[in-house]
Amino acid sequence: MTVGEWLAERTPAPPAPLATRLKEALGDHLRDRAGSAHYAMLATAEGLLAELSMIDCAARDRALDLLAVDAMVTYAFEAACASPDTLRARATDAMSAIASLVAPVPRR
């Protein structure tokens, strides 16, 4: 089974525009083995979030990309649940990676 096939089996299925955006963003990862779905989803989400952080990600035309990031992180943890013994470490690593994408806001 591939990541693409794994994604197609998720229920409920995402709305069509979101499903299309997820596939576009995942690109070649769709052909990866399903066992790497956690990595594929998080790596793609981090890359897309990094791109969004360099532009006006609050613009209305970026809503689908933000939803895609959210969905990929959710799917990453759904996939990670297949190995509960590594879930804590994966969650910690994911939070650190995502947090590192955002520049700290100066305190006043």
PDB file of N, CA and C in Angstrom:
ATOM      1  N   MET A   1       0.850  -1.183   0.000  1.00  0.00           N
ATOM      2  CA  MET A   1       0.000   0.000   0.000  1.00  0.00           C
ATOM      3  C   MET A   1       0.892   1.242   0.000  1.00  0.00           C
ATOM      4  N   THR A   2       0.465   2.258  -0.728  1.00  0.00           N
ATOM      5  CA  THR A   2       1.205   3.516  -0.808  1.00  0.00           C
ATOM      6  C   THR A   2       0.559   4.581   0.080  1.00  0.00           C
ATOM      7  N   VAL A   3       1.260   5.687   0.251  1.00  0.00           N
ATOM      8  CA  VAL A   3       0.699   6.817   0.993  1.00  0.00           C
ATOM      9  C   VAL A   3      -0.576   7.298   0.306  1.00  0.00           C
ATOM     10  N   GLY A   4      -0.582   7.346  -1.014  1.00  0.00           N
ATOM     11  CA  GLY A   4      -1.772   7.769  -1.753  1.00  0.00           C
ATOM     12  C   GLY A   4      -2.955   6.851  -1.502  1.00  0.00           C
ATOM     13  N   GLU A   5      -2.699   5.550  -1.495  1.00  0.00           N
ATOM     14  CA  GLU A   5      -3.770   4.592  -1.219  1.00  0.00           C
ATOM     15  C   GLU A   5      -4.240   4.706   0.226  1.00  0.00           C
ATOM     16  N   TRP A   6      -3.296   4.895   1.148  1.00  0.00           N
ATOM     17  CA  TRP A   6      -3.632   5.073   2.559  1.00  0.00           C
ATOM     18  C   TRP A   6      -4.527   6.305   2.717  1.00  0.00           C
ATOM     19  N   LEU A   7      -4.141   7.378   2.067  1.00  0.00           N
ATOM     20  CA  LEU A   7      -4.915   8.620   2.152  1.00  0.00           C
ATOM     21  C   LEU A   7      -6.321   8.430   1.587  1.00  0.00           C
ATOM     22  N   ALA A   8      -6.427   7.698   0.498  1.00  0.00           N
ATOM     23  CA  ALA A   8      -7.736   7.469  -0.137  1.00  0.00           C
ATOM     24  C   ALA A   8      -8.679   6.664   0.751  1.00  0.00           C
ATOM     25  N   GLU A   9      -8.124   5.912   1.696  1.00  0.00           N
ATOM     26  CA  GLU A   9      -8.956   5.096   2.593  1.00  0.00           C
ATOM     27  C   GLU A   9      -9.447   5.854   3.824  1.00  0.00           C
ATOM     28  N   ARG A  10      -9.000   7.078   4.034  1.00  0.00           N
ATOM     29  CA  ARG A  10      -9.410   7.821   5.231  1.00  0.00           C
ATOM     30  C   ARG A  10     -10.892   8.122   5.158  1.00  0.00           C
ATOM     31  N   THR A  11     -11.547   7.965   6.293  1.00  0.00           N
ATOM     32  CA  THR A  11     -12.963   8.309   6.390  1.00  0.00           C
ATOM     33  C   THR A  11     -13.179   9.196   7.603  1.00  0.00           C
ATOM     34  N   PRO A  12     -13.992  10.191   7.485  1.00  0.00           N
ATOM     35  CA  PRO A  12     -14.655  10.587   6.252  1.00  0.00           C
ATOM     36  C   PRO A  12     -13.632  11.190   5.271  1.00  0.00           C
ATOM     37  N   ALA A  13     -13.930  11.087   4.009  1.00  0.00           N
ATOM     38  CA  ALA A  13     -13.053  11.653   2.985  1.00  0.00           C
ATOM     39  C   ALA A  13     -13.097  13.175   3.073  1.00  0.00           C
ATOM     40  N   PRO A  14     -11.973  13.824   2.825  1.00  0.00           N
ATOM     41  CA  PRO A  14     -11.994  15.291   2.826  1.00  0.00           C
ATOM     42  C   PRO A  14     -12.796  15.816   1.641  1.00  0.00           C
ATOM     43  N   PRO A  15     -13.284  17.040   1.723  1.00  0.00           N
ATOM     44  CA  PRO A  15     -13.974  17.639   0.577  1.00  0.00           C
ATOM     45  C   PRO A  15     -13.048  17.624  -0.653  1.00  0.00           C
ATOM     46  N   ALA A  16     -13.621  17.535  -1.819  1.00  0.00           N
ATOM     47  CA  ALA A  16     -12.857  17.392  -3.058  1.00  0.00           C
ATOM     48  C   ALA A  16     -11.736  18.434  -3.227  1.00  0.00           C
ATOM     49  N   PRO A  17     -11.997  19.730  -3.004  1.00  0.00           N
ATOM     50  CA  PRO A  17     -10.905  20.696  -3.183  1.00  0.00           C
ATOM     51  C   PRO A  17      -9.729  20.442  -2.222  1.00  0.00           C
ATOM     52  N   LEU A  18     -10.031  20.042  -0.991  1.00  0.00           N
ATOM     53  CA  LEU A  18      -8.977  19.753  -0.033  1.00  0.00           C
ATOM     54  C   LEU A  18      -8.232  18.483  -0.424  1.00  0.00           C
ATOM     55  N   ALA A  19      -8.948  17.462  -0.864  1.00  0.00           N
ATOM     56  CA  ALA A  19      -8.300  16.217  -1.301  1.00  0.00           C
ATOM     57  C   ALA A  19      -7.346  16.492  -2.456  1.00  0.00           C
ATOM     58  N   THR A  20      -7.771  17.318  -3.388  1.00  0.00           N
ATOM     59  CA  THR A  20      -6.920  17.670  -4.526  1.00  0.00           C
ATOM     60  C   THR A  20      -5.680  18.412  -4.059  1.00  0.00           C
ATOM     61  N   ARG A  21      -5.856  19.348  -3.134  1.00  0.00           N
ATOM     62  CA  ARG A  21      -4.707  20.130  -2.630  1.00  0.00           C
ATOM     63  C   ARG A  21      -3.738  19.233  -1.872  1.00  0.00           C
ATOM     64  N   LEU A  22      -4.250  18.291  -1.097  1.00  0.00           N
ATOM     65  CA  LEU A  22      -3.383  17.362  -0.379  1.00  0.00           C
ATOM     66  C   LEU A  22      -2.535  16.556  -1.360  1.00  0.00           C
ATOM     67  N   LYS A  23      -3.156  16.056  -2.396  1.00  0.00           N
ATOM     68  CA  LYS A  23      -2.427  15.267  -3.401  1.00  0.00           C
ATOM     69  C   LYS A  23      -1.381  16.112  -4.113  1.00  0.00           C
ATOM     70  N   GLU A  24      -1.747  17.348  -4.452  1.00  0.00           N
ATOM     71  CA  GLU A  24      -0.781  18.248  -5.099  1.00  0.00           C
ATOM     72  C   GLU A  24       0.419  18.487  -4.186  1.00  0.00           C
ATOM     73  N   ALA A  25       0.148  18.770  -2.931  1.00  0.00           N
ATOM     74  CA  ALA A  25       1.217  19.073  -1.983  1.00  0.00           C
ATOM     75  C   ALA A  25       2.096  17.847  -1.719  1.00  0.00           C
ATOM     76  N   LEU A  26       1.488  16.688  -1.597  1.00  0.00           N
ATOM     77  CA  LEU A  26       2.251  15.471  -1.308  1.00  0.00           C
ATOM     78  C   LEU A  26       3.098  15.027  -2.491  1.00  0.00           C
ATOM     79  N   GLY A  27       2.660  15.294  -3.697  1.00  0.00           N
ATOM     80  CA  GLY A  27       3.451  15.002  -4.888  1.00  0.00           C
ATOM     81  C   GLY A  27       4.007  13.580  -4.903  1.00  0.00           C
ATOM     82  N   ASP A  28       5.309  13.459  -5.002  1.00  0.00           N
ATOM     83  CA  ASP A  28       5.969  12.151  -5.083  1.00  0.00           C
ATOM     84  C   ASP A  28       5.772  11.299  -3.834  1.00  0.00           C
ATOM     85  N   HIS A  29       5.478  11.932  -2.705  1.00  0.00           N
ATOM     86  CA  HIS A  29       5.242  11.159  -1.473  1.00  0.00           C
ATOM     87  C   HIS A  29       4.045  10.220  -1.610  1.00  0.00           C
ATOM     88  N   LEU A  30       3.148  10.514  -2.543  1.00  0.00           N
ATOM     89  CA  LEU A  30       1.980   9.658  -2.734  1.00  0.00           C
ATOM     90  C   LEU A  30       2.384   8.227  -3.101  1.00  0.00           C
ATOM     91  N   ARG A  31       3.564   8.065  -3.694  1.00  0.00           N
ATOM     92  CA  ARG A  31       4.036   6.735  -4.086  1.00  0.00           C
ATOM     93  C   ARG A  31       4.881   6.054  -3.019  1.00  0.00           C
ATOM     94  N   ASP A  32       5.146   6.765  -1.915  1.00  0.00           N
ATOM     95  CA  ASP A  32       5.916   6.168  -0.815  1.00  0.00           C
ATOM     96  C   ASP A  32       5.114   5.048  -0.174  1.00  0.00           C
ATOM     97  N   ARG A  33       5.807   4.171   0.529  1.00  0.00           N
ATOM     98  CA  ARG A  33       5.116   3.111   1.268  1.00  0.00           C
ATOM     99  C   ARG A  33       4.247   3.730   2.353  1.00  0.00           C
ATOM    100  N   ALA A  34       3.087   3.130   2.590  1.00  0.00           N
ATOM    101  CA  ALA A  34       2.146   3.650   3.582  1.00  0.00           C
ATOM    102  C   ALA A  34       2.773   3.716   4.973  1.00  0.00           C
ATOM    103  N   GLY A  35       3.746   2.859   5.240  1.00  0.00           N
ATOM    104  CA  GLY A  35       4.413   2.889   6.535  1.00  0.00           C
ATOM    105  C   GLY A  35       5.135   4.196   6.813  1.00  0.00           C
ATOM    106  N   SER A  36       5.369   4.974   5.763  1.00  0.00           N
ATOM    107  CA  SER A  36       6.028   6.271   5.947  1.00  0.00           C
ATOM    108  C   SER A  36       5.038   7.432   5.854  1.00  0.00           C
ATOM    109  N   ALA A  37       3.743   7.140   5.976  1.00  0.00           N
ATOM    110  CA  ALA A  37       2.724   8.191   5.864  1.00  0.00           C
ATOM    111  C   ALA A  37       2.944   9.286   6.895  1.00  0.00           C
ATOM    112  N   HIS A  38       3.325   8.910   8.119  1.00  0.00           N
ATOM    113  CA  HIS A  38       3.571   9.912   9.154  1.00  0.00           C
ATOM    114  C   HIS A  38       4.632  10.900   8.694  1.00  0.00           C
ATOM    115  N   TYR A  39       5.746  10.370   8.212  1.00  0.00           N
ATOM    116  CA  TYR A  39       6.832  11.231   7.754  1.00  0.00           C
ATOM    117  C   TYR A  39       6.388  12.069   6.553  1.00  0.00           C
ATOM    118  N   ALA A  40       5.762  11.446   5.572  1.00  0.00           N
ATOM    119  CA  ALA A  40       5.358  12.148   4.354  1.00  0.00           C
ATOM    120  C   ALA A  40       4.416  13.301   4.670  1.00  0.00           C
ATOM    121  N   MET A  41       3.452  13.039   5.543  1.00  0.00           N
ATOM    122  CA  MET A  41       2.473  14.077   5.899  1.00  0.00           C
ATOM    123  C   MET A  41       3.139  15.227   6.655  1.00  0.00           C
ATOM    124  N   LEU A  42       3.962  14.898   7.648  1.00  0.00           N
ATOM    125  CA  LEU A  42       4.598  15.969   8.426  1.00  0.00           C
ATOM    126  C   LEU A  42       5.597  16.755   7.604  1.00  0.00           C
ATOM    127  N   ALA A  43       6.403  16.077   6.811  1.00  0.00           N
ATOM    128  CA  ALA A  43       7.392  16.780   5.988  1.00  0.00           C
ATOM    129  C   ALA A  43       6.697  17.722   5.011  1.00  0.00           C
ATOM    130  N   THR A  44       5.615  17.262   4.416  1.00  0.00           N
ATOM    131  CA  THR A  44       4.878  18.096   3.476  1.00  0.00           C
ATOM    132  C   THR A  44       4.209  19.263   4.196  1.00  0.00           C
ATOM    133  N   ALA A  45       3.611  18.995   5.340  1.00  0.00           N
ATOM    134  CA  ALA A  45       2.973  20.064   6.117  1.00  0.00           C
ATOM    135  C   ALA A  45       3.997  21.115   6.530  1.00  0.00           C
ATOM    136  N   GLU A  46       5.157  20.673   6.993  1.00  0.00           N
ATOM    137  CA  GLU A  46       6.198  21.615   7.400  1.00  0.00           C
ATOM    138  C   GLU A  46       6.676  22.458   6.226  1.00  0.00           C
ATOM    139  N   GLY A  47       6.845  21.827   5.068  1.00  0.00           N
ATOM    140  CA  GLY A  47       7.279  22.574   3.887  1.00  0.00           C
ATOM    141  C   GLY A  47       6.259  23.604   3.450  1.00  0.00           C
ATOM    142  N   LEU A  48       5.005  23.213   3.438  1.00  0.00           N
ATOM    143  CA  LEU A  48       3.946  24.144   3.045  1.00  0.00           C
ATOM    144  C   LEU A  48       3.802  25.265   4.058  1.00  0.00           C
ATOM    145  N   LEU A  49       3.910  24.931   5.342  1.00  0.00           N
ATOM    146  CA  LEU A  49       3.816  25.964   6.372  1.00  0.00           C
ATOM    147  C   LEU A  49       4.999  26.926   6.287  1.00  0.00           C
ATOM    148  N   ALA A  50       6.176  26.417   5.970  1.00  0.00           N
ATOM    149  CA  ALA A  50       7.344  27.289   5.803  1.00  0.00           C
ATOM    150  C   ALA A  50       7.113  28.272   4.656  1.00  0.00           C
ATOM    151  N   GLU A  51       6.555  27.781   3.550  1.00  0.00           N
ATOM    152  CA  GLU A  51       6.240  28.659   2.423  1.00  0.00           C
ATOM    153  C   GLU A  51       5.214  29.715   2.833  1.00  0.00           C
ATOM    154  N   LEU A  52       4.180  29.275   3.534  1.00  0.00           N
ATOM    155  CA  LEU A  52       3.123  30.196   3.939  1.00  0.00           C
ATOM    156  C   LEU A  52       3.624  31.251   4.913  1.00  0.00           C
ATOM    157  N   SER A  53       4.583  30.897   5.748  1.00  0.00           N
ATOM    158  CA  SER A  53       5.089  31.850   6.737  1.00  0.00           C
ATOM    159  C   SER A  53       5.900  32.976   6.095  1.00  0.00           C
ATOM    160  N   MET A  54       6.309  32.779   4.844  1.00  0.00           N
ATOM    161  CA  MET A  54       7.086  33.816   4.154  1.00  0.00           C
ATOM    162  C   MET A  54       6.202  34.782   3.375  1.00  0.00           C
ATOM    163  N   ILE A  55       4.906  34.490   3.324  1.00  0.00           N
ATOM    164  CA  ILE A  55       3.975  35.356   2.602  1.00  0.00           C
ATOM    165  C   ILE A  55       2.816  35.702   3.536  1.00  0.00           C
ATOM    166  N   ASP A  56       1.849  36.400   3.007  1.00  0.00           N
ATOM    167  CA  ASP A  56       0.673  36.760   3.801  1.00  0.00           C
ATOM    168  C   ASP A  56      -0.248  35.544   3.889  1.00  0.00           C
ATOM    169  N   CYS A  57       0.049  34.669   4.851  1.00  0.00           N
ATOM    170  CA  CYS A  57      -0.726  33.425   4.942  1.00  0.00           C
ATOM    171  C   CYS A  57      -2.134  33.657   5.483  1.00  0.00           C
ATOM    172  N   ALA A  58      -2.431  34.862   5.932  1.00  0.00           N
ATOM    173  CA  ALA A  58      -3.772  35.147   6.430  1.00  0.00           C
ATOM    174  C   ALA A  58      -4.700  35.599   5.301  1.00  0.00           C
ATOM    175  N   ALA A  59      -4.164  35.723   4.098  1.00  0.00           N
ATOM    176  CA  ALA A  59      -4.996  36.142   2.971  1.00  0.00           C
ATOM    177  C   ALA A  59      -6.017  35.052   2.650  1.00  0.00           C
ATOM    178  N   ARG A  60      -7.174  35.464   2.217  1.00  0.00           N
ATOM    179  CA  ARG A  60      -8.277  34.548   1.938  1.00  0.00           C
ATOM    180  C   ARG A  60      -7.886  33.458   0.947  1.00  0.00           C
ATOM    181  N   ASP A  61      -7.052  33.791  -0.031  1.00  0.00           N
ATOM    182  CA  ASP A  61      -6.681  32.803  -1.045  1.00  0.00           C
ATOM    183  C   ASP A  61      -5.707  31.749  -0.519  1.00  0.00           C
ATOM    184  N   ARG A  62      -5.293  31.853   0.723  1.00  0.00           N
ATOM    185  CA  ARG A  62      -4.397  30.871   1.346  1.00  0.00           C
ATOM    186  C   ARG A  62      -5.145  29.923   2.281  1.00  0.00           C
ATOM    187  N   ALA A  63      -6.449  30.085   2.394  1.00  0.00           N
ATOM    188  CA  ALA A  63      -7.234  29.266   3.318  1.00  0.00           C
ATOM    189  C   ALA A  63      -7.105  27.773   3.008  1.00  0.00           C
ATOM    190  N   LEU A  64      -7.148  27.410   1.751  1.00  0.00           N
ATOM    191  CA  LEU A  64      -7.049  25.997   1.383  1.00  0.00           C
ATOM    192  C   LEU A  64      -5.687  25.422   1.766  1.00  0.00           C
ATOM    193  N   ASP A  65      -4.631  26.221   1.603  1.00  0.00           N
ATOM    194  CA  ASP A  65      -3.300  25.754   2.003  1.00  0.00           C
ATOM    195  C   ASP A  65      -3.220  25.551   3.519  1.00  0.00           C
ATOM    196  N   LEU A  66      -3.819  26.466   4.272  1.00  0.00           N
ATOM    197  CA  LEU A  66      -3.810  26.322   5.736  1.00  0.00           C
ATOM    198  C   LEU A  66      -4.616  25.099   6.162  1.00  0.00           C
ATOM    199  N   LEU A  67      -5.735  24.860   5.501  1.00  0.00           N
ATOM    200  CA  LEU A  67      -6.515  23.651   5.786  1.00  0.00           C
ATOM    201  C   LEU A  67      -5.732  22.396   5.428  1.00  0.00           C
ATOM    202  N   ALA A  68      -4.964  22.457   4.349  1.00  0.00           N
ATOM    203  CA  ALA A  68      -4.149  21.309   3.944  1.00  0.00           C
ATOM    204  C   ALA A  68      -3.078  21.016   4.990  1.00  0.00           C
ATOM    205  N   VAL A  69      -2.442  22.047   5.518  1.00  0.00           N
ATOM    206  CA  VAL A  69      -1.444  21.854   6.580  1.00  0.00           C
ATOM    207  C   VAL A  69      -2.095  21.188   7.785  1.00  0.00           C
ATOM    208  N   ASP A  70      -3.236  21.707   8.189  1.00  0.00           N
ATOM    209  CA  ASP A  70      -3.955  21.144   9.330  1.00  0.00           C
ATOM    210  C   ASP A  70      -4.319  19.680   9.080  1.00  0.00           C
ATOM    211  N   ALA A  71      -4.839  19.391   7.905  1.00  0.00           N
ATOM    212  CA  ALA A  71      -5.232  18.016   7.579  1.00  0.00           C
ATOM    213  C   ALA A  71      -4.026  17.088   7.564  1.00  0.00           C
ATOM    214  N   MET A  72      -2.910  17.545   7.006  1.00  0.00           N
ATOM    215  CA  MET A  72      -1.725  16.690   6.944  1.00  0.00           C
ATOM    216  C   MET A  72      -1.174  16.380   8.329  1.00  0.00           C
ATOM    217  N   VAL A  73      -1.190  17.360   9.214  1.00  0.00           N
ATOM    218  CA  VAL A  73      -0.725  17.095  10.579  1.00  0.00           C
ATOM    219  C   VAL A  73      -1.668  16.104  11.260  1.00  0.00           C
ATOM    220  N   THR A  74      -2.963  16.283  11.073  1.00  0.00           N
ATOM    221  CA  THR A  74      -3.938  15.349  11.636  1.00  0.00           C
ATOM    222  C   THR A  74      -3.710  13.942  11.096  1.00  0.00           C
ATOM    223  N   TYR A  75      -3.554  13.823   9.785  1.00  0.00           N
ATOM    224  CA  TYR A  75      -3.306  12.511   9.179  1.00  0.00           C
ATOM    225  C   TYR A  75      -1.967  11.933   9.645  1.00  0.00           C
ATOM    226  N   ALA A  76      -0.979  12.773   9.840  1.00  0.00           N
ATOM    227  CA  ALA A  76       0.322  12.286  10.313  1.00  0.00           C
ATOM    228  C   ALA A  76       0.174  11.589  11.659  1.00  0.00           C
ATOM    229  N   PHE A  77      -0.623  12.174  12.533  1.00  0.00           N
ATOM    230  CA  PHE A  77      -0.792  11.554  13.845  1.00  0.00           C
ATOM    231  C   PHE A  77      -1.734  10.365  13.803  1.00  0.00           C
ATOM    232  N   GLU A  78      -2.656  10.367  12.867  1.00  0.00           N
ATOM    233  CA  GLU A  78      -3.470   9.167  12.667  1.00  0.00           C
ATOM    234  C   GLU A  78      -2.561   8.017  12.236  1.00  0.00           C
ATOM    235  N   ALA A  79      -1.646   8.292  11.328  1.00  0.00           N
ATOM    236  CA  ALA A  79      -0.699   7.264  10.881  1.00  0.00           C
ATOM    237  C   ALA A  79       0.246   6.857  12.007  1.00  0.00           C
ATOM    238  N   ALA A  80       0.672   7.814  12.802  1.00  0.00           N
ATOM    239  CA  ALA A  80       1.608   7.528  13.891  1.00  0.00           C
ATOM    240  C   ALA A  80       0.983   6.629  14.953  1.00  0.00           C
ATOM    241  N   CYS A  81      -0.320   6.655  15.065  1.00  0.00           N
ATOM    242  CA  CYS A  81      -1.001   5.812  16.060  1.00  0.00           C
ATOM    243  C   CYS A  81      -0.816   4.326  15.779  1.00  0.00           C
ATOM    244  N   ALA A  82      -0.366   3.991  14.574  1.00  0.00           N
ATOM    245  CA  ALA A  82      -0.084   2.588  14.263  1.00  0.00           C
ATOM    246  C   ALA A  82       1.093   2.069  15.090  1.00  0.00           C
ATOM    247  N   SER A  83       1.916   2.984  15.596  1.00  0.00           N
ATOM    248  CA  SER A  83       3.061   2.625  16.451  1.00  0.00           C
ATOM    249  C   SER A  83       2.988   3.458  17.727  1.00  0.00           C
ATOM    250  N   PRO A  84       2.080   3.091  18.645  1.00  0.00           N
ATOM    251  CA  PRO A  84       1.866   3.925  19.828  1.00  0.00           C
ATOM    252  C   PRO A  84       3.112   4.104  20.689  1.00  0.00           C
ATOM    253  N   ASP A  85       4.038   3.168  20.641  1.00  0.00           N
ATOM    254  CA  ASP A  85       5.242   3.287  21.455  1.00  0.00           C
ATOM    255  C   ASP A  85       6.142   4.438  20.996  1.00  0.00           C
ATOM    256  N   THR A  86       5.973   4.922  19.768  1.00  0.00           N
ATOM    257  CA  THR A  86       6.794   6.037  19.287  1.00  0.00           C
ATOM    258  C   THR A  86       6.009   7.345  19.212  1.00  0.00           C
ATOM    259  N   LEU A  87       4.756   7.319  19.616  1.00  0.00           N
ATOM    260  CA  LEU A  87       3.891   8.485  19.457  1.00  0.00           C
ATOM    261  C   LEU A  87       4.394   9.705  20.226  1.00  0.00           C
ATOM    262  N   ARG A  88       4.814   9.516  21.453  1.00  0.00           N
ATOM    263  CA  ARG A  88       5.288  10.658  22.262  1.00  0.00           C
ATOM    264  C   ARG A  88       6.494  11.325  21.602  1.00  0.00           C
ATOM    265  N   ALA A  89       7.457  10.543  21.171  1.00  0.00           N
ATOM    266  CA  ALA A  89       8.654  11.098  20.539  1.00  0.00           C
ATOM    267  C   ALA A  89       8.292  11.793  19.225  1.00  0.00           C
ATOM    268  N   ARG A  90       7.410  11.191  18.453  1.00  0.00           N
ATOM    269  CA  ARG A  90       7.005  11.807  17.190  1.00  0.00           C
ATOM    270  C   ARG A  90       6.270  13.121  17.417  1.00  0.00           C
ATOM    271  N   ALA A  91       5.429  13.166  18.440  1.00  0.00           N
ATOM    272  CA  ALA A  91       4.699  14.395  18.744  1.00  0.00           C
ATOM    273  C   ALA A  91       5.660  15.500  19.173  1.00  0.00           C
ATOM    274  N   THR A  92       6.613  15.158  20.008  1.00  0.00           N
ATOM    275  CA  THR A  92       7.603  16.133  20.472  1.00  0.00           C
ATOM    276  C   THR A  92       8.427  16.657  19.308  1.00  0.00           C
ATOM    277  N   ASP A  93       8.872  15.753  18.440  1.00  0.00           N
ATOM    278  CA  ASP A  93       9.652  16.165  17.268  1.00  0.00           C
ATOM    279  C   ASP A  93       8.832  17.062  16.347  1.00  0.00           C
ATOM    280  N   ALA A  94       7.572  16.708  16.135  1.00  0.00           N
ATOM    281  CA  ALA A  94       6.707  17.496  15.253  1.00  0.00           C
ATOM    282  C   ALA A  94       6.471  18.894  15.820  1.00  0.00           C
ATOM    283  N   MET A  95       6.208  18.982  17.106  1.00  0.00           N
ATOM    284  CA  MET A  95       5.974  20.299  17.718  1.00  0.00           C
ATOM    285  C   MET A  95       7.222  21.164  17.600  1.00  0.00           C
ATOM    286  N   SER A  96       8.375  20.584  17.828  1.00  0.00           N
ATOM    287  CA  SER A  96       9.626  21.343  17.716  1.00  0.00           C
ATOM    288  C   SER A  96       9.854  21.820  16.291  1.00  0.00           C
ATOM    289  N   ALA A  97       9.641  20.929  15.323  1.00  0.00           N
ATOM    290  CA  ALA A  97       9.858  21.289  13.921  1.00  0.00           C
ATOM    291  C   ALA A  97       8.905  22.391  13.479  1.00  0.00           C
ATOM    292  N   ILE A  98       7.645  22.263  13.840  1.00  0.00           N
ATOM    293  CA  ILE A  98       6.657  23.267  13.439  1.00  0.00           C
ATOM    294  C   ILE A  98       6.930  24.595  14.143  1.00  0.00           C
ATOM    295  N   ALA A  99       7.255  24.543  15.417  1.00  0.00           N
ATOM    296  CA  ALA A  99       7.536  25.772  16.166  1.00  0.00           C
ATOM    297  C   ALA A  99       8.763  26.497  15.610  1.00  0.00           C
ATOM    298  N   SER A 100       9.715  25.755  15.096  1.00  0.00           N
ATOM    299  CA  SER A 100      10.934  26.384  14.578  1.00  0.00           C
ATOM    300  C   SER A 100      10.677  27.162  13.284  1.00  0.00           C
ATOM    301  N   LEU A 101       9.541  26.942  12.661  1.00  0.00           N
ATOM    302  CA  LEU A 101       9.221  27.637  11.418  1.00  0.00           C
ATOM    303  C   LEU A 101       8.747  29.061  11.647  1.00  0.00           C
ATOM    304  N   VAL A 102       8.363  29.363  12.855  1.00  0.00           N
ATOM    305  CA  VAL A 102       7.788  30.658  13.171  1.00  0.00           C
ATOM    306  C   VAL A 102       8.800  31.501  13.939  1.00  0.00           C
ATOM    307  N   ALA A 103       9.017  32.705  13.469  1.00  0.00           N
ATOM    308  CA  ALA A 103       9.926  33.614  14.165  1.00  0.00           C
ATOM    309  C   ALA A 103       9.285  34.055  15.461  1.00  0.00           C
ATOM    310  N   PRO A 104      10.075  34.137  16.526  1.00  0.00           N
ATOM    311  CA  PRO A 104       9.507  34.583  17.796  1.00  0.00           C
ATOM    312  C   PRO A 104       8.993  36.020  17.704  1.00  0.00           C
ATOM    313  N   VAL A 105       7.890  36.262  18.374  1.00  0.00           N
ATOM    314  CA  VAL A 105       7.305  37.602  18.411  1.00  0.00           C
ATOM    315  C   VAL A 105       7.947  38.357  19.556  1.00  0.00           C
ATOM    316  N   PRO A 106       8.479  39.554  19.278  1.00  0.00           N
ATOM    317  CA  PRO A 106       9.114  40.332  20.351  1.00  0.00           C
ATOM    318  C   PRO A 106       8.115  40.691  21.447  1.00  0.00           C
ATOM    319  N   ARG A 107       8.556  40.597  22.667  1.00  0.00           N
ATOM    320  CA  ARG A 107       7.693  40.977  23.807  1.00  0.00           C
ATOM    321  C   ARG A 107       7.750  42.464  24.012  1.00  0.00           C
ATOM    322  N   ARG A 108       6.649  42.992  24.469  1.00  0.00           N
ATOM    323  CA  ARG A 108       6.572  44.440  24.726  1.00  0.00           C
ATOM    324  C   ARG A 108       6.584  44.702  26.185  1.00  0.00           C
TER     325      ARG A 108
END
